[in-house]
């Protein structure tokens, strides 16, 4: 296994290590994400795709736009390329983990509203997608609270 890993690492070009990037801009992903979300919410330009459903393709375009927005948020927040917000990157992890959990709970409440009183104005799976996103955000918040609290590594404090 080590042999395969060393061969894989040998294929990475020199100077392309993610942590060493100095100039990171989130503007391009933010603009692309905004255009995709604008198309999904207002313009509605789509094609049937292999699943023969323009509305499904439009949903995929919207989800891709949300993905670009996430990449832009990560780059603006942590000033580096990547996708996973490690606890070491946070300035105040105790405060941030509570904020992440609060955003997750708010997203879950928003998913209920999207699936019940706002259902007639939104596509049918909107509530489910928001619920999934809210649960993942909440899981991240709970994990960080546990990693900093009862599950913290005691040997690193010594």
N, C-alpha and C. Protein backbone atom coordinates (compact mmCIF):
# COMPACT_ATOMS: atom_id res chain seq x y z
N UNK A 1 0.82 -1.19 0.00
CA UNK A 1 0.00 0.00 0.00
C UNK A 1 0.87 1.26 0.00
N UNK A 2 1.95 1.21 0.78
CA UNK A 2 2.85 2.36 0.82
C UNK A 2 3.46 2.62 -0.55
N UNK A 3 3.75 1.55 -1.27
CA UNK A 3 4.31 1.69 -2.61
C UNK A 3 3.34 2.45 -3.52
N UNK A 4 2.06 2.10 -3.46
CA UNK A 4 1.07 2.78 -4.29
C UNK A 4 0.93 4.25 -3.90
N UNK A 5 0.94 4.51 -2.59
CA UNK A 5 0.83 5.89 -2.13
C UNK A 5 2.03 6.71 -2.57
N UNK A 6 3.23 6.16 -2.48
CA UNK A 6 4.41 6.91 -2.90
C UNK A 6 4.40 7.17 -4.40
N UNK A 7 3.87 6.22 -5.19
CA UNK A 7 3.77 6.45 -6.64
C UNK A 7 2.75 7.53 -6.93
N UNK A 8 1.65 7.57 -6.16
CA UNK A 8 0.64 8.60 -6.35
C UNK A 8 1.20 9.98 -5.99
N UNK A 9 1.90 10.06 -4.87
CA UNK A 9 2.49 11.33 -4.46
C UNK A 9 3.54 11.79 -5.45
N UNK A 10 4.20 10.85 -6.12
CA UNK A 10 5.20 11.21 -7.12
C UNK A 10 4.59 11.87 -8.35
N UNK A 11 3.29 11.68 -8.57
CA UNK A 11 2.63 12.27 -9.73
C UNK A 11 2.19 13.71 -9.50
N UNK A 12 2.22 14.17 -8.25
CA UNK A 12 1.80 15.54 -7.94
C UNK A 12 2.91 16.49 -8.37
N UNK A 13 2.60 17.50 -9.19
CA UNK A 13 3.63 18.44 -9.63
C UNK A 13 4.20 19.23 -8.45
N UNK A 14 5.48 19.54 -8.54
CA UNK A 14 6.15 20.31 -7.50
C UNK A 14 5.54 21.71 -7.47
N UNK A 15 5.28 22.19 -6.27
CA UNK A 15 4.72 23.53 -6.12
C UNK A 15 3.21 23.57 -6.18
N UNK A 16 2.55 22.40 -6.22
CA UNK A 16 1.10 22.40 -6.30
C UNK A 16 0.45 21.99 -4.98
N UNK A 17 1.19 22.03 -3.90
CA UNK A 17 0.64 21.66 -2.61
C UNK A 17 -0.39 22.71 -2.21
N UNK A 18 -1.56 22.24 -1.79
CA UNK A 18 -2.68 23.13 -1.52
C UNK A 18 -2.36 24.11 -0.39
N UNK A 19 -1.70 23.65 0.66
CA UNK A 19 -1.47 24.49 1.82
C UNK A 19 -0.47 25.61 1.54
N UNK A 20 0.32 25.52 0.48
CA UNK A 20 1.32 26.53 0.20
C UNK A 20 0.86 27.61 -0.76
N UNK A 21 -0.37 27.56 -1.21
CA UNK A 21 -0.87 28.57 -2.14
C UNK A 21 -0.95 29.91 -1.42
N UNK A 22 -0.45 30.97 -2.06
CA UNK A 22 -0.49 32.28 -1.43
C UNK A 22 -1.65 33.12 -1.94
N UNK A 23 -1.87 33.15 -3.23
CA UNK A 23 -2.95 33.93 -3.82
C UNK A 23 -4.17 33.04 -4.04
N UNK A 24 -5.17 33.23 -3.21
CA UNK A 24 -6.40 32.47 -3.35
C UNK A 24 -7.55 33.45 -3.47
N UNK A 25 -8.30 33.32 -4.55
CA UNK A 25 -9.42 34.21 -4.79
C UNK A 25 -10.71 33.40 -4.84
N UNK A 26 -11.69 33.85 -4.10
CA UNK A 26 -12.99 33.20 -4.14
C UNK A 26 -13.96 33.90 -5.08
N UNK A 27 -13.48 34.90 -5.80
CA UNK A 27 -14.36 35.67 -6.67
C UNK A 27 -14.90 34.85 -7.83
N UNK A 28 -14.05 34.08 -8.48
CA UNK A 28 -14.49 33.31 -9.65
C UNK A 28 -15.55 32.27 -9.26
N UNK A 29 -15.33 31.45 -8.21
CA UNK A 29 -16.40 30.52 -7.82
C UNK A 29 -17.68 31.24 -7.38
N UNK A 30 -17.54 32.41 -6.75
CA UNK A 30 -18.73 33.16 -6.33
C UNK A 30 -19.53 33.64 -7.53
N UNK A 31 -18.84 34.12 -8.55
CA UNK A 31 -19.53 34.60 -9.75
C UNK A 31 -20.19 33.44 -10.50
N UNK A 32 -19.46 32.34 -10.67
CA UNK A 32 -20.03 31.18 -11.36
C UNK A 32 -21.24 30.64 -10.59
N UNK A 33 -21.11 30.53 -9.27
CA UNK A 33 -22.23 30.06 -8.45
C UNK A 33 -23.42 30.98 -8.54
N UNK A 34 -23.17 32.28 -8.53
CA UNK A 34 -24.27 33.25 -8.64
C UNK A 34 -24.99 33.13 -9.98
N UNK A 35 -24.23 32.95 -11.05
CA UNK A 35 -24.85 32.79 -12.37
C UNK A 35 -25.69 31.52 -12.44
N UNK A 36 -25.18 30.43 -11.88
CA UNK A 36 -25.94 29.18 -11.89
C UNK A 36 -27.20 29.28 -11.04
N UNK A 37 -27.10 29.91 -9.88
CA UNK A 37 -28.28 30.09 -9.02
C UNK A 37 -29.27 31.03 -9.69
N UNK A 38 -28.79 32.10 -10.32
CA UNK A 38 -29.67 33.01 -11.05
C UNK A 38 -30.42 32.27 -12.15
N UNK A 39 -29.73 31.41 -12.87
CA UNK A 39 -30.38 30.62 -13.91
C UNK A 39 -31.44 29.70 -13.30
N UNK A 40 -31.13 29.09 -12.17
CA UNK A 40 -32.07 28.16 -11.55
C UNK A 40 -33.30 28.88 -11.02
N UNK A 41 -33.10 30.02 -10.37
CA UNK A 41 -34.21 30.70 -9.70
C UNK A 41 -35.04 31.57 -10.64
N UNK A 42 -34.41 32.20 -11.63
CA UNK A 42 -35.13 33.19 -12.44
C UNK A 42 -35.20 32.80 -13.91
N UNK A 43 -34.05 32.57 -14.53
CA UNK A 43 -34.02 32.36 -15.97
C UNK A 43 -34.63 31.02 -16.39
N UNK A 44 -34.25 29.96 -15.72
CA UNK A 44 -34.81 28.64 -16.00
C UNK A 44 -34.31 27.98 -17.26
N UNK A 45 -33.15 28.40 -17.80
CA UNK A 45 -32.59 27.76 -18.99
C UNK A 45 -32.12 26.36 -18.62
N UNK A 46 -32.59 25.35 -19.35
CA UNK A 46 -32.24 23.98 -19.04
C UNK A 46 -32.36 23.11 -20.30
N UNK A 47 -31.99 21.87 -20.18
CA UNK A 47 -32.12 20.88 -21.26
C UNK A 47 -32.52 19.56 -20.62
N UNK A 48 -33.10 18.64 -21.39
CA UNK A 48 -33.61 17.39 -20.80
C UNK A 48 -32.55 16.51 -20.17
N UNK A 49 -31.37 16.45 -20.75
CA UNK A 49 -30.32 15.60 -20.20
C UNK A 49 -30.63 14.13 -20.40
N UNK A 50 -29.76 13.25 -19.91
CA UNK A 50 -29.96 11.81 -20.11
C UNK A 50 -31.17 11.26 -19.35
N UNK A 51 -31.67 11.98 -18.36
CA UNK A 51 -32.81 11.53 -17.57
C UNK A 51 -34.13 12.05 -18.14
N UNK A 52 -34.07 12.81 -19.24
CA UNK A 52 -35.24 13.31 -19.95
C UNK A 52 -36.16 14.14 -19.06
N UNK A 53 -35.54 15.03 -18.26
CA UNK A 53 -36.32 15.90 -17.37
C UNK A 53 -35.59 17.24 -17.23
N UNK A 54 -36.17 18.29 -17.79
CA UNK A 54 -35.54 19.61 -17.70
C UNK A 54 -35.53 20.13 -16.26
N UNK A 55 -36.56 19.83 -15.49
CA UNK A 55 -36.60 20.32 -14.11
C UNK A 55 -35.51 19.66 -13.26
N UNK A 56 -35.24 18.38 -13.51
CA UNK A 56 -34.17 17.70 -12.78
C UNK A 56 -32.82 18.32 -13.13
N UNK A 57 -32.62 18.59 -14.41
CA UNK A 57 -31.37 19.24 -14.85
C UNK A 57 -31.23 20.61 -14.21
N UNK A 58 -32.33 21.33 -14.11
CA UNK A 58 -32.29 22.65 -13.47
C UNK A 58 -31.91 22.52 -12.00
N UNK A 59 -32.40 21.49 -11.34
CA UNK A 59 -32.02 21.24 -9.95
C UNK A 59 -30.54 20.92 -9.82
N UNK A 60 -30.02 20.14 -10.75
CA UNK A 60 -28.58 19.82 -10.75
C UNK A 60 -27.76 21.09 -10.95
N UNK A 61 -28.22 21.97 -11.84
CA UNK A 61 -27.53 23.24 -12.07
C UNK A 61 -27.53 24.07 -10.79
N UNK A 62 -28.67 24.11 -10.10
CA UNK A 62 -28.76 24.86 -8.84
C UNK A 62 -27.85 24.29 -7.77
N UNK A 63 -27.80 22.96 -7.66
CA UNK A 63 -26.92 22.33 -6.67
C UNK A 63 -25.45 22.59 -6.99
N UNK A 64 -25.12 22.61 -8.27
CA UNK A 64 -23.76 22.94 -8.67
C UNK A 64 -23.43 24.38 -8.28
N UNK A 65 -24.38 25.28 -8.45
CA UNK A 65 -24.19 26.67 -8.03
C UNK A 65 -23.96 26.78 -6.54
N UNK A 66 -24.71 26.00 -5.74
CA UNK A 66 -24.49 25.99 -4.30
C UNK A 66 -23.09 25.47 -3.97
N UNK A 67 -22.63 24.48 -4.71
CA UNK A 67 -21.28 23.96 -4.51
C UNK A 67 -20.22 25.02 -4.78
N UNK A 68 -20.41 25.79 -5.86
CA UNK A 68 -19.48 26.89 -6.15
C UNK A 68 -19.52 27.94 -5.05
N UNK A 69 -20.71 28.23 -4.54
CA UNK A 69 -20.82 29.20 -3.43
C UNK A 69 -20.07 28.70 -2.21
N UNK A 70 -20.14 27.41 -1.92
CA UNK A 70 -19.42 26.85 -0.78
C UNK A 70 -17.91 27.02 -0.96
N UNK A 71 -17.42 26.72 -2.16
CA UNK A 71 -15.99 26.88 -2.44
C UNK A 71 -15.58 28.34 -2.25
N UNK A 72 -16.41 29.27 -2.74
CA UNK A 72 -16.11 30.70 -2.58
C UNK A 72 -16.09 31.08 -1.11
N UNK A 73 -17.08 30.60 -0.35
CA UNK A 73 -17.13 30.91 1.09
C UNK A 73 -15.87 30.38 1.77
N UNK A 74 -15.46 29.16 1.46
CA UNK A 74 -14.28 28.58 2.08
C UNK A 74 -13.04 29.42 1.78
N UNK A 75 -12.90 29.83 0.52
CA UNK A 75 -11.71 30.61 0.14
C UNK A 75 -11.72 31.98 0.79
N UNK A 76 -12.88 32.63 0.87
CA UNK A 76 -12.95 33.94 1.52
C UNK A 76 -12.71 33.82 3.03
N UNK A 77 -13.23 32.76 3.64
CA UNK A 77 -13.13 32.61 5.09
C UNK A 77 -11.74 32.20 5.54
N UNK A 78 -11.15 31.20 4.89
CA UNK A 78 -9.88 30.65 5.35
C UNK A 78 -8.68 31.08 4.51
N UNK A 79 -8.91 31.82 3.43
CA UNK A 79 -7.85 32.35 2.57
C UNK A 79 -6.91 31.25 2.07
N UNK A 80 -7.49 30.12 1.69
CA UNK A 80 -6.72 29.01 1.13
C UNK A 80 -7.66 28.13 0.33
N UNK A 81 -7.08 27.31 -0.54
CA UNK A 81 -7.88 26.35 -1.29
C UNK A 81 -8.21 25.17 -0.40
N UNK A 82 -9.32 24.54 -0.68
CA UNK A 82 -9.72 23.37 0.08
C UNK A 82 -11.23 23.30 0.18
N UNK A 83 -11.70 22.27 0.88
CA UNK A 83 -13.13 22.09 1.07
C UNK A 83 -13.51 21.78 2.51
N UNK A 84 -12.57 21.27 3.29
CA UNK A 84 -12.88 20.84 4.65
C UNK A 84 -12.34 21.87 5.64
N UNK A 85 -13.22 22.49 6.44
CA UNK A 85 -12.77 23.49 7.42
C UNK A 85 -12.22 22.82 8.68
N UNK A 86 -10.92 22.52 8.69
CA UNK A 86 -10.29 21.90 9.85
C UNK A 86 -10.41 22.81 11.05
N UNK A 87 -10.48 22.23 12.24
CA UNK A 87 -10.59 23.02 13.47
C UNK A 87 -9.38 23.91 13.67
N UNK A 88 -8.22 23.50 13.16
CA UNK A 88 -7.01 24.31 13.30
C UNK A 88 -7.12 25.63 12.54
N UNK A 89 -7.97 25.69 11.53
CA UNK A 89 -8.13 26.91 10.73
C UNK A 89 -9.01 27.95 11.42
N UNK A 90 -9.81 27.54 12.38
CA UNK A 90 -10.75 28.45 13.02
C UNK A 90 -10.02 29.33 14.02
N UNK A 91 -10.37 30.61 14.07
CA UNK A 91 -9.74 31.53 15.02
C UNK A 91 -10.23 31.28 16.44
N UNK A 92 -11.53 31.07 16.61
CA UNK A 92 -12.13 30.80 17.91
C UNK A 92 -13.04 29.57 17.78
N UNK A 93 -12.47 28.36 17.87
CA UNK A 93 -13.25 27.16 17.59
C UNK A 93 -14.46 26.96 18.51
N UNK A 94 -14.34 27.33 19.79
CA UNK A 94 -15.46 27.14 20.71
C UNK A 94 -16.67 27.97 20.27
N UNK A 95 -16.42 29.22 19.93
CA UNK A 95 -17.51 30.11 19.49
C UNK A 95 -18.02 29.69 18.11
N UNK A 96 -17.11 29.36 17.21
CA UNK A 96 -17.50 29.00 15.84
C UNK A 96 -18.32 27.73 15.81
N UNK A 97 -18.00 26.75 16.66
CA UNK A 97 -18.75 25.50 16.64
C UNK A 97 -20.20 25.73 17.07
N UNK A 98 -20.42 26.63 18.01
CA UNK A 98 -21.79 26.96 18.41
C UNK A 98 -22.53 27.69 17.30
N UNK A 99 -21.82 28.56 16.58
CA UNK A 99 -22.43 29.26 15.46
C UNK A 99 -22.78 28.29 14.33
N UNK A 100 -21.90 27.33 14.07
CA UNK A 100 -22.17 26.33 13.03
C UNK A 100 -23.39 25.50 13.40
N UNK A 101 -23.50 25.10 14.66
CA UNK A 101 -24.66 24.34 15.11
C UNK A 101 -25.93 25.17 14.98
N UNK A 102 -25.86 26.45 15.33
CA UNK A 102 -27.04 27.33 15.21
C UNK A 102 -27.47 27.48 13.75
N UNK A 103 -26.51 27.61 12.84
CA UNK A 103 -26.84 27.70 11.41
C UNK A 103 -27.47 26.40 10.94
N UNK A 104 -26.98 25.27 11.42
CA UNK A 104 -27.55 23.98 11.06
C UNK A 104 -28.99 23.85 11.52
N UNK A 105 -29.27 24.24 12.76
CA UNK A 105 -30.64 24.19 13.29
C UNK A 105 -31.54 25.14 12.51
N UNK A 106 -31.04 26.33 12.19
CA UNK A 106 -31.83 27.28 11.40
C UNK A 106 -32.15 26.71 10.02
N UNK A 107 -31.19 26.03 9.41
CA UNK A 107 -31.42 25.42 8.09
C UNK A 107 -32.45 24.30 8.18
N UNK A 108 -32.44 23.55 9.27
CA UNK A 108 -33.45 22.50 9.46
C UNK A 108 -34.83 23.13 9.60
N UNK A 109 -34.94 24.22 10.35
CA UNK A 109 -36.22 24.93 10.48
C UNK A 109 -36.66 25.48 9.12
N UNK A 110 -35.71 26.02 8.37
CA UNK A 110 -36.00 26.53 7.03
C UNK A 110 -36.47 25.40 6.11
N UNK A 111 -35.91 24.21 6.28
CA UNK A 111 -36.35 23.07 5.46
C UNK A 111 -37.79 22.69 5.76
N UNK A 112 -38.18 22.80 7.03
CA UNK A 112 -39.58 22.52 7.38
C UNK A 112 -40.49 23.53 6.69
N UNK A 113 -40.09 24.81 6.73
CA UNK A 113 -40.91 25.84 6.08
C UNK A 113 -40.97 25.62 4.58
N UNK A 114 -39.86 25.20 3.98
CA UNK A 114 -39.85 24.97 2.53
C UNK A 114 -40.69 23.76 2.16
N UNK A 115 -40.81 22.80 3.06
CA UNK A 115 -41.58 21.60 2.76
C UNK A 115 -43.04 21.68 3.15
N UNK A 116 -43.43 22.69 3.92
CA UNK A 116 -44.82 22.79 4.35
C UNK A 116 -45.51 24.05 3.83
N UNK A 117 -45.40 25.21 4.53
CA UNK A 117 -46.16 26.38 4.04
C UNK A 117 -45.68 26.94 2.70
N UNK A 118 -44.41 26.77 2.37
CA UNK A 118 -43.88 27.32 1.11
C UNK A 118 -43.82 26.28 -0.01
N UNK A 119 -44.37 25.09 0.22
CA UNK A 119 -44.26 23.99 -0.74
C UNK A 119 -44.81 24.35 -2.11
N UNK A 120 -45.90 25.10 -2.16
CA UNK A 120 -46.51 25.41 -3.46
C UNK A 120 -45.67 26.38 -4.29
N UNK A 121 -44.74 27.09 -3.66
CA UNK A 121 -43.91 28.07 -4.38
C UNK A 121 -42.54 27.52 -4.76
N UNK A 122 -42.15 26.41 -4.19
CA UNK A 122 -40.80 25.85 -4.40
C UNK A 122 -40.90 24.46 -5.02
N UNK A 123 -39.83 24.01 -5.67
CA UNK A 123 -39.83 22.64 -6.19
C UNK A 123 -40.00 21.63 -5.04
N UNK A 124 -40.57 20.49 -5.35
CA UNK A 124 -40.91 19.51 -4.31
C UNK A 124 -39.74 19.06 -3.44
N UNK A 125 -38.56 18.76 -3.99
CA UNK A 125 -37.49 18.26 -3.12
C UNK A 125 -36.73 19.34 -2.35
N UNK A 126 -37.16 20.59 -2.42
CA UNK A 126 -36.42 21.67 -1.75
C UNK A 126 -36.30 21.41 -0.25
N UNK A 127 -37.40 21.02 0.38
CA UNK A 127 -37.37 20.75 1.81
C UNK A 127 -36.41 19.64 2.17
N UNK A 128 -36.38 18.58 1.37
CA UNK A 128 -35.48 17.46 1.64
C UNK A 128 -34.01 17.85 1.46
N UNK A 129 -33.74 18.61 0.42
CA UNK A 129 -32.36 19.04 0.17
C UNK A 129 -31.89 19.96 1.30
N UNK A 130 -32.74 20.90 1.72
CA UNK A 130 -32.38 21.78 2.83
C UNK A 130 -32.22 21.00 4.13
N UNK A 131 -33.05 19.98 4.33
CA UNK A 131 -32.91 19.16 5.53
C UNK A 131 -31.57 18.43 5.52
N UNK A 132 -31.19 17.88 4.39
CA UNK A 132 -29.89 17.21 4.28
C UNK A 132 -28.75 18.18 4.59
N UNK A 133 -28.80 19.36 4.00
CA UNK A 133 -27.76 20.36 4.24
C UNK A 133 -27.74 20.76 5.71
N UNK A 134 -28.91 20.99 6.30
CA UNK A 134 -29.00 21.36 7.71
C UNK A 134 -28.46 20.28 8.63
N UNK A 135 -28.76 19.03 8.32
CA UNK A 135 -28.25 17.94 9.15
C UNK A 135 -26.73 17.82 9.03
N UNK A 136 -26.18 18.01 7.84
CA UNK A 136 -24.73 17.95 7.68
C UNK A 136 -24.04 19.11 8.41
N UNK A 137 -24.63 20.30 8.34
CA UNK A 137 -24.06 21.44 9.06
C UNK A 137 -24.12 21.18 10.57
N UNK A 138 -25.26 20.68 11.05
CA UNK A 138 -25.40 20.38 12.48
C UNK A 138 -24.41 19.31 12.92
N UNK A 139 -24.23 18.29 12.09
CA UNK A 139 -23.26 17.25 12.41
C UNK A 139 -21.86 17.83 12.54
N UNK A 140 -21.50 18.74 11.66
CA UNK A 140 -20.19 19.39 11.74
C UNK A 140 -20.06 20.19 13.03
N UNK A 141 -21.11 20.91 13.41
CA UNK A 141 -21.08 21.69 14.65
C UNK A 141 -20.98 20.81 15.88
N UNK A 142 -21.76 19.73 15.92
CA UNK A 142 -21.71 18.81 17.06
C UNK A 142 -20.35 18.13 17.13
N UNK A 143 -19.82 17.72 15.98
CA UNK A 143 -18.49 17.09 15.97
C UNK A 143 -17.43 18.04 16.53
N UNK A 144 -17.45 19.29 16.09
CA UNK A 144 -16.42 20.22 16.57
C UNK A 144 -16.59 20.51 18.06
N UNK A 145 -17.84 20.57 18.53
CA UNK A 145 -18.06 20.78 19.97
C UNK A 145 -17.55 19.58 20.77
N UNK A 146 -17.79 18.37 20.28
CA UNK A 146 -17.30 17.18 20.97
C UNK A 146 -15.78 17.07 20.89
N UNK A 147 -15.20 17.41 19.75
CA UNK A 147 -13.75 17.33 19.58
C UNK A 147 -13.02 18.33 20.47
N UNK A 148 -13.67 19.43 20.77
CA UNK A 148 -13.06 20.44 21.64
C UNK A 148 -13.41 20.22 23.11
N UNK A 149 -14.44 19.44 23.38
CA UNK A 149 -14.91 19.23 24.75
C UNK A 149 -14.57 17.85 25.28
N UNK A 150 -15.60 17.01 25.44
CA UNK A 150 -15.38 15.71 26.09
C UNK A 150 -14.47 14.75 25.33
N UNK A 151 -14.36 14.89 24.03
CA UNK A 151 -13.52 13.98 23.25
C UNK A 151 -12.15 14.58 22.92
N UNK A 152 -11.80 15.69 23.56
CA UNK A 152 -10.52 16.35 23.28
C UNK A 152 -9.36 15.46 23.68
N UNK A 153 -8.28 15.55 22.93
CA UNK A 153 -7.08 14.77 23.20
C UNK A 153 -6.38 15.37 24.40
N UNK A 154 -6.34 14.64 25.50
CA UNK A 154 -5.74 15.14 26.75
C UNK A 154 -4.23 15.24 26.66
N UNK A 155 -3.59 14.42 25.83
CA UNK A 155 -2.13 14.42 25.75
C UNK A 155 -1.60 15.68 25.07
N UNK A 156 -2.40 16.33 24.22
CA UNK A 156 -1.93 17.53 23.54
C UNK A 156 -1.94 18.74 24.45
N UNK A 157 -2.66 18.67 25.57
CA UNK A 157 -2.71 19.80 26.50
C UNK A 157 -1.52 19.82 27.44
N UNK A 158 -0.82 18.70 27.57
CA UNK A 158 0.29 18.62 28.52
C UNK A 158 1.54 19.27 28.01
